[in-house]
């Protein structure tokens, strides 16, 4: 069975990922809280250098969403 993950990102500590999580739910995705990866990192930072995104990719298996 596939698992659903979510990656959310903001640029500054003053921002929150709450709206992104609401939008994911509104799109019909159910993501268990322990499968939501949130991080604060500039959008100019290469995705390969984002620790949260790398952690997400490491956890995903074939068939996951």
C-alpha atoms as a PDB file:
ATOM      1  CA  UNK A   1       0.000   0.000   0.000  1.00  0.00           C
ATOM      2  CA  UNK A   2       1.359   3.421  -0.899  1.00  0.00           C
ATOM      3  CA  UNK A   3       2.014   6.040   1.734  1.00  0.00           C
ATOM      4  CA  UNK A   4       1.472   9.751   1.234  1.00  0.00           C
ATOM      5  CA  UNK A   5       4.153  12.234   2.249  1.00  0.00           C
ATOM      6  CA  UNK A   6       4.178  16.029   2.165  1.00  0.00           C
ATOM      7  CA  UNK A   7       7.074  18.458   1.937  1.00  0.00           C
ATOM      8  CA  UNK A   8       6.470  22.057   2.988  1.00  0.00           C
ATOM      9  CA  UNK A   9       8.956  24.894   3.017  1.00  0.00           C
ATOM     10  CA  UNK A  10       9.080  28.499   4.099  1.00  0.00           C
ATOM     11  CA  UNK A  11      11.880  30.998   3.662  1.00  0.00           C
ATOM     12  CA  UNK A  12      11.959  32.633   7.095  1.00  0.00           C
ATOM     13  CA  UNK A  13      11.266  31.695  10.699  1.00  0.00           C
ATOM     14  CA  UNK A  14       8.482  34.329  10.726  1.00  0.00           C
ATOM     15  CA  UNK A  15       6.466  32.232   8.264  1.00  0.00           C
ATOM     16  CA  UNK A  16       4.530  29.011   8.898  1.00  0.00           C
ATOM     17  CA  UNK A  17       3.682  26.039   6.720  1.00  0.00           C
ATOM     18  CA  UNK A  18       0.085  25.893   8.011  1.00  0.00           C
ATOM     19  CA  UNK A  19      -1.439  27.188   4.778  1.00  0.00           C
ATOM     20  CA  UNK A  20       0.511  24.686   2.681  1.00  0.00           C
ATOM     21  CA  UNK A  21      -0.718  21.818   4.872  1.00  0.00           C
ATOM     22  CA  UNK A  22      -4.320  23.065   4.541  1.00  0.00           C
ATOM     23  CA  UNK A  23      -3.945  23.250   0.751  1.00  0.00           C
ATOM     24  CA  UNK A  24      -2.634  19.688   0.614  1.00  0.00           C
ATOM     25  CA  UNK A  25      -5.679  18.500   2.591  1.00  0.00           C
ATOM     26  CA  UNK A  26      -8.023  20.585   0.412  1.00  0.00           C
ATOM     27  CA  UNK A  27      -6.571  18.847  -2.644  1.00  0.00           C
ATOM     28  CA  UNK A  28      -7.801  15.568  -1.182  1.00  0.00           C
ATOM     29  CA  UNK A  29      -4.591  14.179   0.287  1.00  0.00           C
ATOM     30  CA  UNK A  30      -4.533  12.646   3.751  1.00  0.00           C
ATOM     31  CA  UNK A  31      -1.044  12.808   5.191  1.00  0.00           C
ATOM     32  CA  UNK A  32      -0.243  11.389   8.602  1.00  0.00           C
ATOM     33  CA  UNK A  33       1.559  14.014  10.710  1.00  0.00           C
ATOM     34  CA  UNK A  34       4.748  11.944  10.994  1.00  0.00           C
ATOM     35  CA  UNK A  35       4.954  11.950   7.182  1.00  0.00           C
ATOM     36  CA  UNK A  36       4.919  15.739   6.849  1.00  0.00           C
ATOM     37  CA  UNK A  37       8.370  17.262   6.439  1.00  0.00           C
ATOM     38  CA  UNK A  38       8.552  20.991   7.127  1.00  0.00           C
ATOM     39  CA  UNK A  39      11.631  23.135   6.861  1.00  0.00           C
ATOM     40  CA  UNK A  40      12.751  26.722   6.817  1.00  0.00           C
ATOM     41  CA  UNK A  41      15.219  27.301   4.018  1.00  0.00           C
ATOM     42  CA  UNK A  42      15.621  29.863   1.259  1.00  0.00           C
ATOM     43  CA  UNK A  43      14.113  29.008  -2.098  1.00  0.00           C
ATOM     44  CA  UNK A  44      17.492  29.804  -3.630  1.00  0.00           C
ATOM     45  CA  UNK A  45      19.009  26.835  -1.775  1.00  0.00           C
ATOM     46  CA  UNK A  46      19.392  23.934  -4.192  1.00  0.00           C
ATOM     47  CA  UNK A  47      16.901  21.167  -3.452  1.00  0.00           C
ATOM     48  CA  UNK A  48      19.748  18.655  -3.158  1.00  0.00           C
ATOM     49  CA  UNK A  49      21.142  20.704  -0.264  1.00  0.00           C
ATOM     50  CA  UNK A  50      17.866  20.883   1.679  1.00  0.00           C
ATOM     51  CA  UNK A  51      18.155  18.533   4.652  1.00  0.00           C
ATOM     52  CA  UNK A  52      14.392  18.110   5.098  1.00  0.00           C
ATOM     53  CA  UNK A  53      13.828  17.249   1.457  1.00  0.00           C
ATOM     54  CA  UNK A  54      16.712  14.777   1.495  1.00  0.00           C
ATOM     55  CA  UNK A  55      15.238  13.155   4.618  1.00  0.00           C
ATOM     56  CA  UNK A  56      11.886  12.847   2.820  1.00  0.00           C
ATOM     57  CA  UNK A  57      13.407  11.197  -0.250  1.00  0.00           C
ATOM     58  CA  UNK A  58      15.313   8.729   1.952  1.00  0.00           C
ATOM     59  CA  UNK A  59      12.058   7.636   3.647  1.00  0.00           C
ATOM     60  CA  UNK A  60      10.051   7.143   0.458  1.00  0.00           C
ATOM     61  CA  UNK A  61       9.647   3.756  -1.163  1.00  0.00           C
ATOM     62  CA  UNK A  62       8.390   2.653  -4.563  1.00  0.00           C
ATOM     63  CA  UNK A  63       4.685   3.478  -4.879  1.00  0.00           C
ATOM     64  CA  UNK A  64       4.652   6.246  -2.266  1.00  0.00           C
ATOM     65  CA  UNK A  65       3.014   9.547  -3.112  1.00  0.00           C
END
